[in-house]
Amino acid sequence: MEKTAKVRAARSAAAPLADATAREFLLEPFQDFLAVEQGLSPRTREAYALDLARFATYGKLKGSAGPAHVAPRLLREYMYHLKDMGLSPASIRRNVSALRTYFKFLVGEGHVQRDPSDRLETPKRWRTLPEVLTVADVDRILSAPSLDEPLAFRDRAMLELAYSAGLRVSEWISIGVKDVLFEDGLVRVFGKGSKERLVPIGRKAIGALAIYMRELRPKLERGEGKGALFLNARGKPLSRMGAWKILRKYVDQAGIKKRVTPHTLRHSFATHLLEGGADLRAVQEMLGHADISTTQIYTHVDREYLRTVHREFHPRK
């Protein structure tokens, strides 16, 4: 009798969901499982039921005919959907817990072959971005190298290229002289796994590179440059730490108080393109991301910024 009451209470929590969708996603058997076998509190069971009802509706809208058709990518997209809805990290963590329990039940009962939630990250483990610079901040940093400094042409060219192409620091220092395609306005980049990509660069970056290669690099080259584009004062390829120190120097000179790393320029590049209306897949290609879900994080940074602006300035916030 007590078990029957628990089952009725759990099922009532998902009452708003269409019966067909509930059946397709096996929500009633899952609610029975929660009530009878898991020993969860009534409040947790009700929350899980509502969480799964919402997920089933989302899955249906995305073309899933049931849990057997749910892929890990859909679950990742659903997490970002919850974030865009304004759910707190705690609520999203509960949704992750509900989904993991749900798919564990489905696998155990033989309804699905694989658990698509096994690598689903909670908000605590989501990648966080360094603080993105404003366009004005970037301008101040790129304008900081003074022509009074002996290596100013190199430093300006390196910083302009890093921001113009959205490069990783490992890519800054591995670019060769032959990788700058001036006539095409492109730079050849070898990213993770030595995967090659061609990235457009702007006029200012092209101009800074041309001056550096004409006026300074020949003076730095002492036969030990190994074809590298950027050389240190001893004529050897610039190291990762050397590039980091150069950036840090000009961040300080520009009076930027935010924590800025080489990756901050890359993140700023992506965010500024998307804020300007760039296509997500084009940005993915320029960044060298194998999976567009990696690039999508920038759209959520942008949306969070828009929400912040709305809350601050809308008269009926």
C-alpha atoms as a PDB file:
ATOM      1  CA  MET A   1       0.000   0.000   0.000  1.00  0.00           C
ATOM      2  CA  GLU A   2       2.802   2.383   0.934  1.00  0.00           C
ATOM      3  CA  LYS A   3       4.673   1.598  -2.310  1.00  0.00           C
ATOM      4  CA  THR A   4       1.554   2.276  -4.353  1.00  0.00           C
ATOM      5  CA  ALA A   5       1.143   5.676  -2.703  1.00  0.00           C
ATOM      6  CA  LYS A   6       4.779   6.521  -3.452  1.00  0.00           C
ATOM      7  CA  VAL A   7       4.349   5.580  -7.090  1.00  0.00           C
ATOM      8  CA  ARG A   8       1.182   7.716  -7.435  1.00  0.00           C
ATOM      9  CA  ALA A   9       2.941  10.709  -5.855  1.00  0.00           C
ATOM     10  CA  ALA A  10       5.962  10.390  -8.098  1.00  0.00           C
ATOM     11  CA  ARG A  11       3.884  10.040 -11.244  1.00  0.00           C
ATOM     12  CA  SER A  12       1.793  13.088 -10.440  1.00  0.00           C
ATOM     13  CA  ALA A  13       4.904  15.258 -10.525  1.00  0.00           C
ATOM     14  CA  ALA A  14       5.207  14.800 -14.301  1.00  0.00           C
ATOM     15  CA  ALA A  15       1.502  15.273 -15.023  1.00  0.00           C
ATOM     16  CA  PRO A  16       1.981  18.320 -17.337  1.00  0.00           C
ATOM     17  CA  LEU A  17       3.993  16.247 -19.836  1.00  0.00           C
ATOM     18  CA  ALA A  18       2.134  14.828 -22.836  1.00  0.00           C
ATOM     19  CA  ASP A  19       1.268  11.169 -22.269  1.00  0.00           C
ATOM     20  CA  ALA A  20       2.841  10.078 -25.573  1.00  0.00           C
ATOM     21  CA  THR A  21       6.185  11.693 -24.787  1.00  0.00           C
ATOM     22  CA  ALA A  22       6.127  10.264 -21.259  1.00  0.00           C
ATOM     23  CA  ARG A  23       5.585   6.798 -22.692  1.00  0.00           C
ATOM     24  CA  GLU A  24       8.264   7.160 -25.355  1.00  0.00           C
ATOM     25  CA  PHE A  25      10.822   8.264 -22.767  1.00  0.00           C
ATOM     26  CA  LEU A  26       9.716   5.629 -20.219  1.00  0.00           C
ATOM     27  CA  LEU A  27       9.159   8.235 -17.533  1.00  0.00           C
ATOM     28  CA  GLU A  28       6.511   6.329 -15.569  1.00  0.00           C
ATOM     29  CA  PRO A  29       8.709   3.239 -15.082  1.00  0.00           C
ATOM     30  CA  PHE A  30      11.518   5.561 -14.039  1.00  0.00           C
ATOM     31  CA  GLN A  31       9.261   7.268 -11.509  1.00  0.00           C
ATOM     32  CA  ASP A  32       8.305   3.846 -10.138  1.00  0.00           C
ATOM     33  CA  PHE A  33      12.016   3.037  -9.859  1.00  0.00           C
ATOM     34  CA  LEU A  34      12.672   6.250  -7.921  1.00  0.00           C
ATOM     35  CA  ALA A  35       9.766   5.665  -5.571  1.00  0.00           C
ATOM     36  CA  VAL A  36      10.280   1.981  -4.865  1.00  0.00           C
ATOM     37  CA  GLU A  37      13.995   1.246  -5.243  1.00  0.00           C
ATOM     38  CA  GLN A  38      15.959   4.440  -4.707  1.00  0.00           C
ATOM     39  CA  GLY A  39      14.514   5.591  -1.428  1.00  0.00           C
ATOM     40  CA  LEU A  40      14.733   9.243  -2.404  1.00  0.00           C
ATOM     41  CA  SER A  41      12.800  11.879  -0.512  1.00  0.00           C
ATOM     42  CA  PRO A  42       9.437  12.984  -1.967  1.00  0.00           C
ATOM     43  CA  ARG A  43      10.884  16.409  -2.766  1.00  0.00           C
ATOM     44  CA  THR A  44      13.849  14.916  -4.689  1.00  0.00           C
ATOM     45  CA  ARG A  45      11.587  12.506  -6.558  1.00  0.00           C
ATOM     46  CA  GLU A  46       9.315  15.346  -7.567  1.00  0.00           C
ATOM     47  CA  ALA A  47      12.276  17.466  -8.709  1.00  0.00           C
ATOM     48  CA  TYR A  48      13.722  14.562 -10.732  1.00  0.00           C
ATOM     49  CA  ALA A  49      10.340  13.890 -12.327  1.00  0.00           C
ATOM     50  CA  LEU A  50      10.001  17.519 -13.410  1.00  0.00           C
ATOM     51  CA  ASP A  51      13.619  17.622 -14.618  1.00  0.00           C
ATOM     52  CA  LEU A  52      13.131  14.510 -16.758  1.00  0.00           C
ATOM     53  CA  ALA A  53       9.792  15.750 -18.088  1.00  0.00           C
ATOM     54  CA  ARG A  54      11.499  18.939 -19.241  1.00  0.00           C
ATOM     55  CA  PHE A  55      14.350  16.958 -20.793  1.00  0.00           C
ATOM     56  CA  ALA A  56      11.938  14.628 -22.611  1.00  0.00           C
ATOM     57  CA  THR A  57      10.126  17.624 -24.090  1.00  0.00           C
ATOM     58  CA  TYR A  58      13.457  19.099 -25.217  1.00  0.00           C
ATOM     59  CA  GLY A  59      14.585  15.767 -26.675  1.00  0.00           C
ATOM     60  CA  LYS A  60      11.336  15.409 -28.571  1.00  0.00           C
ATOM     61  CA  LEU A  61      11.699  18.904 -30.043  1.00  0.00           C
ATOM     62  CA  LYS A  62      15.232  18.019 -31.150  1.00  0.00           C
ATOM     63  CA  GLY A  63      14.018  14.923 -32.978  1.00  0.00           C
ATOM     64  CA  SER A  64      14.708  12.174 -30.443  1.00  0.00           C
ATOM     65  CA  ALA A  65      12.047   9.463 -30.513  1.00  0.00           C
ATOM     66  CA  GLY A  66      13.056   8.196 -27.081  1.00  0.00           C
ATOM     67  CA  PRO A  67      16.048   7.652 -24.786  1.00  0.00           C
ATOM     68  CA  ALA A  68      17.681   5.148 -27.149  1.00  0.00           C
ATOM     69  CA  HIS A  69      18.125   7.994 -29.644  1.00  0.00           C
ATOM     70  CA  VAL A  70      19.763  10.415 -27.190  1.00  0.00           C
ATOM     71  CA  ALA A  71      23.446  11.100 -27.948  1.00  0.00           C
ATOM     72  CA  PRO A  72      26.023  12.761 -25.663  1.00  0.00           C
ATOM     73  CA  ARG A  73      25.968  15.854 -27.895  1.00  0.00           C
ATOM     74  CA  LEU A  74      22.248  16.365 -27.210  1.00  0.00           C
ATOM     75  CA  LEU A  75      22.879  16.197 -23.462  1.00  0.00           C
ATOM     76  CA  ARG A  76      25.660  18.794 -23.717  1.00  0.00           C
ATOM     77  CA  GLU A  77      23.395  21.077 -25.731  1.00  0.00           C
ATOM     78  CA  TYR A  78      20.657  20.581 -23.154  1.00  0.00           C
ATOM     79  CA  MET A  79      22.991  21.717 -20.361  1.00  0.00           C
ATOM     80  CA  TYR A  80      23.666  24.948 -22.231  1.00  0.00           C
ATOM     81  CA  HIS A  81      19.930  25.283 -22.861  1.00  0.00           C
ATOM     82  CA  LEU A  82      19.355  25.129 -19.090  1.00  0.00           C
ATOM     83  CA  LYS A  83      22.058  27.740 -18.554  1.00  0.00           C
ATOM     84  CA  ASP A  84      20.432  30.012 -21.142  1.00  0.00           C
ATOM     85  CA  MET A  85      17.125  29.603 -19.305  1.00  0.00           C
ATOM     86  CA  GLY A  86      18.834  31.186 -16.302  1.00  0.00           C
ATOM     87  CA  LEU A  87      18.950  28.099 -14.054  1.00  0.00           C
ATOM     88  CA  SER A  88      21.437  28.290 -11.220  1.00  0.00           C
ATOM     89  CA  PRO A  89      24.498  25.996 -11.165  1.00  0.00           C
ATOM     90  CA  ALA A  90      22.871  24.091  -8.277  1.00  0.00           C
ATOM     91  CA  SER A  91      19.719  23.448 -10.335  1.00  0.00           C
ATOM     92  CA  ILE A  92      21.781  22.345 -13.331  1.00  0.00           C
ATOM     93  CA  ARG A  93      23.780  19.974 -11.116  1.00  0.00           C
ATOM     94  CA  ARG A  94      20.498  18.436  -9.967  1.00  0.00           C
ATOM     95  CA  ASN A  95      19.456  18.000 -13.603  1.00  0.00           C
ATOM     96  CA  VAL A  96      22.739  16.239 -14.323  1.00  0.00           C
ATOM     97  CA  SER A  97      22.146  13.954 -11.340  1.00  0.00           C
ATOM     98  CA  ALA A  98      18.609  13.212 -12.542  1.00  0.00           C
ATOM     99  CA  LEU A  99      19.823  12.354 -16.039  1.00  0.00           C
ATOM    100  CA  ARG A 100      22.585  10.105 -14.742  1.00  0.00           C
ATOM    101  CA  THR A 101      20.129   8.238 -12.507  1.00  0.00           C
ATOM    102  CA  TYR A 102      17.656   7.990 -15.395  1.00  0.00           C
ATOM    103  CA  PHE A 103      20.154   6.499 -17.852  1.00  0.00           C
ATOM    104  CA  LYS A 104      21.593   4.186 -15.201  1.00  0.00           C
ATOM    105  CA  PHE A 105      18.066   2.851 -14.743  1.00  0.00           C
ATOM    106  CA  LEU A 106      17.533   2.494 -18.509  1.00  0.00           C
ATOM    107  CA  VAL A 107      20.819   0.631 -19.002  1.00  0.00           C
ATOM    108  CA  GLY A 108      20.068  -1.635 -16.050  1.00  0.00           C
ATOM    109  CA  GLU A 109      16.650  -2.493 -17.446  1.00  0.00           C
ATOM    110  CA  GLY A 110      18.010  -3.078 -20.945  1.00  0.00           C
ATOM    111  CA  HIS A 111      16.123  -0.187 -22.533  1.00  0.00           C
ATOM    112  CA  VAL A 112      19.330   1.419 -23.892  1.00  0.00           C
ATOM    113  CA  GLN A 113      22.678  -0.094 -24.791  1.00  0.00           C
ATOM    114  CA  ARG A 114      24.937   2.775 -23.717  1.00  0.00           C
ATOM    115  CA  ASP A 115      24.794   5.557 -21.169  1.00  0.00           C
ATOM    116  CA  PRO A 116      25.191   8.927 -22.992  1.00  0.00           C
ATOM    117  CA  SER A 117      25.450  10.747 -19.645  1.00  0.00           C
ATOM    118  CA  ASP A 118      28.609   9.015 -18.415  1.00  0.00           C
ATOM    119  CA  ARG A 119      30.843  11.967 -19.377  1.00  0.00           C
ATOM    120  CA  LEU A 120      28.348  14.729 -18.795  1.00  0.00           C
ATOM    121  CA  GLU A 121      30.003  17.574 -16.935  1.00  0.00           C
ATOM    122  CA  THR A 122      28.424  19.518 -14.107  1.00  0.00           C
ATOM    123  CA  PRO A 123      28.684  23.332 -13.996  1.00  0.00           C
ATOM    124  CA  LYS A 124      31.489  22.997 -11.456  1.00  0.00           C
ATOM    125  CA  ARG A 125      33.630  21.258 -14.063  1.00  0.00           C
ATOM    126  CA  TRP A 126      32.647  23.334 -17.081  1.00  0.00           C
ATOM    127  CA  ARG A 127      35.476  25.112 -18.798  1.00  0.00           C
ATOM    128  CA  THR A 128      35.718  28.672 -17.615  1.00  0.00           C
ATOM    129  CA  LEU A 129      37.134  31.408 -19.767  1.00  0.00           C
ATOM    130  CA  PRO A 130      39.690  33.962 -18.676  1.00  0.00           C
ATOM    131  CA  GLU A 131      38.233  37.432 -18.577  1.00  0.00           C
ATOM    132  CA  VAL A 132      37.580  38.629 -22.108  1.00  0.00           C
ATOM    133  CA  LEU A 133      39.127  41.956 -23.043  1.00  0.00           C
ATOM    134  CA  THR A 134      37.112  44.780 -24.519  1.00  0.00           C
ATOM    135  CA  VAL A 135      38.055  46.047 -27.975  1.00  0.00           C
ATOM    136  CA  ALA A 136      39.423  49.183 -26.282  1.00  0.00           C
ATOM    137  CA  ASP A 137      41.592  47.052 -23.965  1.00  0.00           C
ATOM    138  CA  VAL A 138      43.025  45.174 -26.942  1.00  0.00           C
ATOM    139  CA  ASP A 139      43.760  48.445 -28.756  1.00  0.00           C
ATOM    140  CA  ARG A 140      45.664  49.734 -25.729  1.00  0.00           C
ATOM    141  CA  ILE A 141      47.787  46.592 -25.505  1.00  0.00           C
ATOM    142  CA  LEU A 142      48.565  46.475 -29.225  1.00  0.00           C
ATOM    143  CA  SER A 143      49.501  50.158 -29.203  1.00  0.00           C
ATOM    144  CA  ALA A 144      51.765  49.828 -26.172  1.00  0.00           C
ATOM    145  CA  PRO A 145      55.067  48.861 -27.899  1.00  0.00           C
ATOM    146  CA  SER A 146      57.046  52.066 -28.246  1.00  0.00           C
ATOM    147  CA  LEU A 147      59.300  52.585 -31.254  1.00  0.00           C
ATOM    148  CA  ASP A 148      62.000  53.639 -28.788  1.00  0.00           C
ATOM    149  CA  GLU A 149      62.366  49.996 -27.774  1.00  0.00           C
ATOM    150  CA  PRO A 150      64.803  47.909 -29.863  1.00  0.00           C
ATOM    151  CA  LEU A 151      62.396  44.982 -30.321  1.00  0.00           C
ATOM    152  CA  ALA A 152      59.207  47.017 -30.757  1.00  0.00           C
ATOM    153  CA  PHE A 153      58.679  45.898 -34.375  1.00  0.00           C
ATOM    154  CA  ARG A 154      58.795  42.240 -33.325  1.00  0.00           C
ATOM    155  CA  ASP A 155      56.559  42.738 -30.325  1.00  0.00           C
ATOM    156  CA  ARG A 156      53.934  44.711 -32.201  1.00  0.00           C
ATOM    157  CA  ALA A 157      53.906  42.192 -35.062  1.00  0.00           C
ATOM    158  CA  MET A 158      53.546  39.274 -32.653  1.00  0.00           C
ATOM    159  CA  LEU A 159      50.694  40.802 -30.676  1.00  0.00           C
ATOM    160  CA  GLU A 160      48.865  41.966 -33.800  1.00  0.00           C
ATOM    161  CA  LEU A 161      49.135  38.497 -35.324  1.00  0.00           C
ATOM    162  CA  ALA A 162      48.062  36.711 -32.134  1.00  0.00           C
ATOM    163  CA  TYR A 163      44.867  38.751 -31.865  1.00  0.00           C
ATOM    164  CA  SER A 164      44.161  38.994 -35.598  1.00  0.00           C
ATOM    165  CA  ALA A 165      44.284  35.196 -36.036  1.00  0.00           C
ATOM    166  CA  GLY A 166      43.129  34.055 -32.571  1.00  0.00           C
ATOM    167  CA  LEU A 167      46.230  31.941 -32.013  1.00  0.00           C
ATOM    168  CA  ARG A 168      47.271  29.685 -29.145  1.00  0.00           C
ATOM    169  CA  VAL A 169      50.635  30.685 -27.661  1.00  0.00           C
ATOM    170  CA  SER A 170      52.165  27.463 -29.001  1.00  0.00           C
ATOM    171  CA  GLU A 171      51.068  28.617 -32.448  1.00  0.00           C
ATOM    172  CA  TRP A 172      52.590  32.090 -32.036  1.00  0.00           C
ATOM    173  CA  ILE A 173      56.030  30.650 -31.511  1.00  0.00           C
ATOM    174  CA  SER A 174      55.881  27.838 -34.075  1.00  0.00           C
ATOM    175  CA  ILE A 175      54.897  29.930 -37.098  1.00  0.00           C
ATOM    176  CA  GLY A 176      57.655  30.049 -39.721  1.00  0.00           C
ATOM    177  CA  VAL A 177      58.628  32.859 -42.047  1.00  0.00           C
ATOM    178  CA  LYS A 178      57.182  30.875 -44.963  1.00  0.00           C
ATOM    179  CA  ASP A 179      53.841  30.507 -43.171  1.00  0.00           C
ATOM    180  CA  VAL A 180      52.892  34.170 -43.655  1.00  0.00           C
ATOM    181  CA  LEU A 181      51.134  34.423 -47.021  1.00  0.00           C
ATOM    182  CA  PHE A 182      51.130  38.179 -47.550  1.00  0.00           C
ATOM    183  CA  GLU A 183      49.479  38.221 -50.970  1.00  0.00           C
ATOM    184  CA  ASP A 184      46.584  36.094 -49.756  1.00  0.00           C
ATOM    185  CA  GLY A 185      46.234  37.785 -46.352  1.00  0.00           C
ATOM    186  CA  LEU A 186      46.579  34.420 -44.617  1.00  0.00           C
ATOM    187  CA  VAL A 187      48.793  32.707 -42.092  1.00  0.00           C
ATOM    188  CA  ARG A 188      49.428  28.962 -42.080  1.00  0.00           C
ATOM    189  CA  VAL A 189      49.012  27.581 -38.575  1.00  0.00           C
ATOM    190  CA  PHE A 190      49.830  24.145 -37.190  1.00  0.00           C
ATOM    191  CA  GLY A 191      47.551  23.551 -34.231  1.00  0.00           C
ATOM    192  CA  LYS A 192      46.918  20.627 -31.908  1.00  0.00           C
ATOM    193  CA  GLY A 193      47.969  17.313 -33.391  1.00  0.00           C
ATOM    194  CA  SER A 194      49.962  19.224 -36.052  1.00  0.00           C
ATOM    195  CA  LYS A 195      46.677  19.874 -37.854  1.00  0.00           C
ATOM    196  CA  GLU A 196      47.162  22.588 -40.465  1.00  0.00           C
ATOM    197  CA  ARG A 197      44.747  25.439 -41.027  1.00  0.00           C
ATOM    198  CA  LEU A 198      44.817  28.733 -42.922  1.00  0.00           C
ATOM    199  CA  VAL A 199      43.591  31.752 -40.990  1.00  0.00           C
ATOM    200  CA  PRO A 200      42.862  35.229 -42.426  1.00  0.00           C
ATOM    201  CA  ILE A 201      44.729  38.167 -40.893  1.00  0.00           C
ATOM    202  CA  GLY A 202      43.845  41.844 -41.044  1.00  0.00           C
ATOM    203  CA  ARG A 203      45.629  44.758 -42.667  1.00  0.00           C
ATOM    204  CA  LYS A 204      47.169  45.992 -39.429  1.00  0.00           C
ATOM    205  CA  ALA A 205      48.667  42.592 -38.690  1.00  0.00           C
ATOM    206  CA  ILE A 206      49.964  42.298 -42.261  1.00  0.00           C
ATOM    207  CA  GLY A 207      51.543  45.759 -42.033  1.00  0.00           C
ATOM    208  CA  ALA A 208      53.182  45.057 -38.666  1.00  0.00           C
ATOM    209  CA  LEU A 209      54.548  41.726 -39.922  1.00  0.00           C
ATOM    210  CA  ALA A 210      55.918  43.289 -43.104  1.00  0.00           C
ATOM    211  CA  ILE A 211      57.794  45.984 -41.143  1.00  0.00           C
ATOM    212  CA  TYR A 212      59.196  43.426 -38.687  1.00  0.00           C
ATOM    213  CA  MET A 213      60.386  41.083 -41.429  1.00  0.00           C
ATOM    214  CA  ARG A 214      61.955  43.929 -43.398  1.00  0.00           C
ATOM    215  CA  GLU A 215      63.449  46.066 -40.644  1.00  0.00           C
ATOM    216  CA  LEU A 216      64.254  43.846 -37.674  1.00  0.00           C
ATOM    217  CA  ARG A 217      64.194  40.108 -38.251  1.00  0.00           C
ATOM    218  CA  PRO A 218      67.221  40.107 -40.623  1.00  0.00           C
ATOM    219  CA  LYS A 219      69.224  41.830 -37.855  1.00  0.00           C
ATOM    220  CA  LEU A 220      68.159  39.246 -35.273  1.00  0.00           C
ATOM    221  CA  GLU A 221      68.874  36.238 -37.484  1.00  0.00           C
ATOM    222  CA  ARG A 222      72.335  34.843 -36.754  1.00  0.00           C
ATOM    223  CA  GLY A 223      71.950  31.464 -38.361  1.00  0.00           C
ATOM    224  CA  GLU A 224      70.052  29.910 -35.454  1.00  0.00           C
ATOM    225  CA  GLY A 225      66.529  31.050 -36.241  1.00  0.00           C
ATOM    226  CA  LYS A 226      65.568  27.715 -37.849  1.00  0.00           C
ATOM    227  CA  GLY A 227      63.080  29.514 -40.072  1.00  0.00           C
ATOM    228  CA  ALA A 228      60.966  30.653 -37.114  1.00  0.00           C
ATOM    229  CA  LEU A 229      59.113  33.915 -37.618  1.00  0.00           C
ATOM    230  CA  PHE A 230      59.624  35.339 -34.142  1.00  0.00           C
ATOM    231  CA  LEU A 231      63.157  35.408 -32.735  1.00  0.00           C
ATOM    232  CA  ASN A 232      64.526  36.501 -29.385  1.00  0.00           C
ATOM    233  CA  ALA A 233      67.331  39.008 -28.884  1.00  0.00           C
ATOM    234  CA  ARG A 234      69.915  36.184 -29.293  1.00  0.00           C
ATOM    235  CA  GLY A 235      68.519  35.222 -32.685  1.00  0.00           C
ATOM    236  CA  LYS A 236      66.895  31.986 -31.533  1.00  0.00           C
ATOM    237  CA  PRO A 237      63.202  31.024 -31.846  1.00  0.00           C
ATOM    238  CA  LEU A 238      61.101  32.720 -29.209  1.00  0.00           C
ATOM    239  CA  SER A 239      60.040  30.426 -26.363  1.00  0.00           C
ATOM    240  CA  ARG A 240      56.567  30.092 -24.870  1.00  0.00           C
ATOM    241  CA  MET A 241      57.727  31.824 -21.689  1.00  0.00           C
ATOM    242  CA  GLY A 242      59.378  34.566 -23.732  1.00  0.00           C
ATOM    243  CA  ALA A 243      56.121  35.250 -25.571  1.00  0.00           C
ATOM    244  CA  TRP A 244      54.195  35.283 -22.278  1.00  0.00           C
ATOM    245  CA  LYS A 245      56.619  37.799 -20.735  1.00  0.00           C
ATOM    246  CA  ILE A 246      56.338  40.099 -23.747  1.00  0.00           C
ATOM    247  CA  LEU A 247      52.560  40.142 -23.462  1.00  0.00           C
ATOM    248  CA  ARG A 248      52.725  40.718 -19.704  1.00  0.00           C
ATOM    249  CA  LYS A 249      55.061  43.673 -20.231  1.00  0.00           C
ATOM    250  CA  TYR A 250      52.669  45.463 -22.559  1.00  0.00           C
ATOM    251  CA  VAL A 251      49.592  44.632 -20.506  1.00  0.00           C
ATOM    252  CA  ASP A 252      51.280  46.417 -17.600  1.00  0.00           C
ATOM    253  CA  GLN A 253      52.319  49.336 -19.792  1.00  0.00           C
ATOM    254  CA  ALA A 254      48.747  49.660 -21.092  1.00  0.00           C
ATOM    255  CA  GLY A 255      47.454  49.849 -17.511  1.00  0.00           C
ATOM    256  CA  ILE A 256      45.180  46.811 -17.885  1.00  0.00           C
ATOM    257  CA  LYS A 257      44.320  45.494 -14.422  1.00  0.00           C
ATOM    258  CA  LYS A 258      42.616  42.297 -15.572  1.00  0.00           C
ATOM    259  CA  ARG A 259      44.554  39.042 -15.589  1.00  0.00           C
ATOM    260  CA  VAL A 260      45.675  38.646 -19.195  1.00  0.00           C
ATOM    261  CA  THR A 261      47.342  35.541 -20.617  1.00  0.00           C
ATOM    262  CA  PRO A 262      48.112  34.632 -24.231  1.00  0.00           C
ATOM    263  CA  HIS A 263      44.845  32.671 -24.293  1.00  0.00           C
ATOM    264  CA  THR A 264      42.952  35.813 -23.264  1.00  0.00           C
ATOM    265  CA  LEU A 265      43.742  37.328 -26.671  1.00  0.00           C
ATOM    266  CA  ARG A 266      42.433  34.154 -28.332  1.00  0.00           C
ATOM    267  CA  HIS A 267      39.220  34.219 -26.302  1.00  0.00           C
ATOM    268  CA  SER A 268      38.789  37.926 -27.022  1.00  0.00           C
ATOM    269  CA  PHE A 269      39.270  37.297 -30.751  1.00  0.00           C
ATOM    270  CA  ALA A 270      36.469  34.703 -30.772  1.00  0.00           C
ATOM    271  CA  THR A 271      34.108  36.720 -28.587  1.00  0.00           C
ATOM    272  CA  HIS A 272      34.573  39.933 -30.586  1.00  0.00           C
ATOM    273  CA  LEU A 273      33.888  38.107 -33.862  1.00  0.00           C
ATOM    274  CA  LEU A 274      30.680  36.567 -32.550  1.00  0.00           C
ATOM    275  CA  GLU A 275      29.535  39.836 -30.993  1.00  0.00           C
ATOM    276  CA  GLY A 276      30.013  41.382 -34.420  1.00  0.00           C
ATOM    277  CA  GLY A 277      27.751  38.782 -36.015  1.00  0.00           C
ATOM    278  CA  ALA A 278      30.278  36.234 -37.320  1.00  0.00           C
ATOM    279  CA  ASP A 279      29.057  32.742 -38.223  1.00  0.00           C
ATOM    280  CA  LEU A 280      29.818  30.179 -35.519  1.00  0.00           C
ATOM    281  CA  ARG A 281      31.228  27.607 -37.953  1.00  0.00           C
ATOM    282  CA  ALA A 282      33.553  30.183 -39.490  1.00  0.00           C
ATOM    283  CA  VAL A 283      34.885  31.012 -36.023  1.00  0.00           C
ATOM    284  CA  GLN A 284      35.267  27.286 -35.328  1.00  0.00           C
ATOM    285  CA  GLU A 285      37.384  26.926 -38.467  1.00  0.00           C
ATOM    286  CA  MET A 286      39.578  29.906 -37.582  1.00  0.00           C
ATOM    287  CA  LEU A 287      40.132  28.672 -34.025  1.00  0.00           C
ATOM    288  CA  GLY A 288      40.919  25.162 -35.205  1.00  0.00           C
ATOM    289  CA  HIS A 289      38.312  23.478 -32.998  1.00  0.00           C
ATOM    290  CA  ALA A 290      37.554  19.898 -34.041  1.00  0.00           C
ATOM    291  CA  ASP A 291      34.101  20.006 -32.410  1.00  0.00           C
ATOM    292  CA  ILE A 292      31.760  22.975 -32.735  1.00  0.00           C
ATOM    293  CA  SER A 293      30.547  22.372 -29.163  1.00  0.00           C
ATOM    294  CA  THR A 294      33.937  23.744 -28.041  1.00  0.00           C
ATOM    295  CA  THR A 295      33.305  26.944 -29.988  1.00  0.00           C
ATOM    296  CA  GLN A 296      29.726  27.236 -28.716  1.00  0.00           C
ATOM    297  CA  ILE A 297      30.987  28.217 -25.283  1.00  0.00           C
ATOM    298  CA  TYR A 298      31.708  31.675 -26.719  1.00  0.00           C
ATOM    299  CA  THR A 299      28.069  32.131 -27.688  1.00  0.00           C
ATOM    300  CA  HIS A 300      27.121  31.540 -24.073  1.00  0.00           C
ATOM    301  CA  VAL A 301      29.686  34.073 -22.870  1.00  0.00           C
ATOM    302  CA  ASP A 302      28.088  36.516 -25.288  1.00  0.00           C
ATOM    303  CA  ARG A 303      24.566  35.702 -24.084  1.00  0.00           C
ATOM    304  CA  GLU A 304      25.607  36.086 -20.472  1.00  0.00           C
ATOM    305  CA  TYR A 305      26.989  39.529 -21.353  1.00  0.00           C
ATOM    306  CA  LEU A 306      23.704  40.437 -23.029  1.00  0.00           C
ATOM    307  CA  ARG A 307      21.773  39.310 -19.966  1.00  0.00           C
ATOM    308  CA  THR A 308      24.028  41.436 -17.760  1.00  0.00           C
ATOM    309  CA  VAL A 309      23.455  44.501 -19.951  1.00  0.00           C
ATOM    310  CA  HIS A 310      19.703  43.884 -19.955  1.00  0.00           C
ATOM    311  CA  ARG A 311      19.553  43.570 -16.160  1.00  0.00           C
ATOM    312  CA  GLU A 312      21.588  46.728 -15.715  1.00  0.00           C
ATOM    313  CA  PHE A 313      19.917  49.035 -18.208  1.00  0.00           C
ATOM    314  CA  HIS A 314      16.386  47.835 -18.942  1.00  0.00           C
ATOM    315  CA  PRO A 315      13.825  50.036 -17.181  1.00  0.00           C
ATOM    316  CA  ARG A 316      11.688  47.027 -16.157  1.00  0.00           C
ATOM    317  CA  LYS A 317      14.455  44.707 -14.974  1.00  0.00           C
END
